Amino acid sequence: MSLDEEISSYIKAELSPTTNNFQDFWTSYCTKLPRLSSLVRRVNVIPATFVTSEALFSVASFLQRKQRASLSSRTLR
């Protein structure tokens, strides 16, 4: 099957109740769409979100809040 045929098959593929999420779909279609599934495995290694970076931004915004900015050595005496 050519890549064009795989793309056409992918577009025509209907989701069944057992393949309603990304990983399940590609697990069940890896033999039917080998080239596309190989590409998906290469591209899908990057997580959509990373909790550590989100937590870092949360801490940074907490440290930069107005209440903390008003704490000076004079205010703390």
Protein backbone atom coordinates (compact mmCIF):
# COMPACT_ATOMS: atom_id res chain seq x y z
CA MET A 1 0.00 0.00 0.00
CA SER A 2 1.42 3.40 -0.96
CA LEU A 3 1.57 6.36 1.38
CA ASP A 4 -1.24 8.06 -0.55
CA GLU A 5 -3.40 4.99 -0.07
CA GLU A 6 -2.60 4.93 3.64
CA ILE A 7 -3.58 8.58 3.97
CA SER A 8 -6.85 7.89 2.14
CA SER A 9 -7.52 4.90 4.41
CA TYR A 10 -6.78 7.03 7.47
CA ILE A 11 -9.22 9.72 6.34
CA LYS A 12 -11.91 7.12 5.68
CA ALA A 13 -11.32 5.25 8.95
CA GLU A 14 -14.22 5.36 11.35
CA LEU A 15 -13.68 5.41 15.06
CA SER A 16 -15.18 2.49 16.88
CA PRO A 17 -15.95 2.50 20.61
CA THR A 18 -12.71 0.57 21.19
CA THR A 19 -10.54 3.09 19.32
CA ASN A 20 -11.87 6.35 20.71
CA ASN A 21 -8.53 7.66 21.90
CA PHE A 22 -5.29 8.43 20.10
CA GLN A 23 -3.14 5.58 21.38
CA ASP A 24 -5.81 2.91 20.97
CA PHE A 25 -6.47 4.01 17.40
CA TRP A 26 -2.83 3.74 16.34
CA THR A 27 -2.35 0.47 18.21
CA SER A 28 -5.21 -1.11 16.30
CA TYR A 29 -4.26 0.43 12.93
CA CYS A 30 -0.47 -0.08 13.07
CA THR A 31 -0.63 -3.10 10.74
CA LYS A 32 -3.11 -1.49 8.34
CA LEU A 33 -1.26 1.85 8.17
CA PRO A 34 2.41 0.96 8.84
CA ARG A 35 4.01 4.09 7.36
CA LEU A 36 1.66 6.51 9.05
CA SER A 37 1.89 4.71 12.38
CA SER A 38 5.69 4.85 12.16
CA LEU A 39 5.49 8.59 11.57
CA VAL A 40 3.07 9.00 14.46
CA ARG A 41 5.44 7.10 16.78
CA ARG A 42 8.28 9.46 15.84
CA VAL A 43 6.25 12.64 16.22
CA ASN A 44 4.27 11.62 19.28
CA VAL A 45 7.28 11.43 21.61
CA ILE A 46 6.78 15.04 22.70
CA PRO A 47 4.25 15.32 25.55
CA ALA A 48 1.41 17.78 25.06
CA THR A 49 1.98 19.25 28.52
CA PHE A 50 4.62 18.84 31.12
CA VAL A 51 3.53 19.23 34.75
CA THR A 52 6.93 20.35 36.00
CA SER A 53 7.00 23.39 33.71
CA GLU A 54 3.41 24.28 34.64
CA ALA A 55 4.29 24.05 38.32
CA LEU A 56 7.33 26.26 37.77
CA PHE A 57 5.22 28.99 36.17
CA SER A 58 2.70 28.69 39.00
CA VAL A 59 5.44 29.21 41.60
CA ALA A 60 6.90 32.12 39.62
CA SER A 61 3.54 33.90 39.47
CA PHE A 62 3.08 33.29 43.22
CA LEU A 63 6.44 34.90 43.96
CA GLN A 64 5.69 37.90 41.74
CA ARG A 65 2.30 38.73 43.27
CA LYS A 66 1.56 42.25 44.56
CA GLN A 67 1.42 41.25 48.25
CA ARG A 68 4.94 39.85 48.12
CA ALA A 69 6.22 42.86 46.17
CA SER A 70 5.15 45.12 49.05
CA LEU A 71 7.42 43.30 51.49
CA SER A 72 10.48 45.41 52.02
CA SER A 73 13.02 45.53 54.82
CA ARG A 74 11.22 48.61 56.18
CA THR A 75 7.80 46.91 56.17
CA LEU A 76 9.12 43.83 57.96
CA ARG A 77 10.52 45.78 60.97
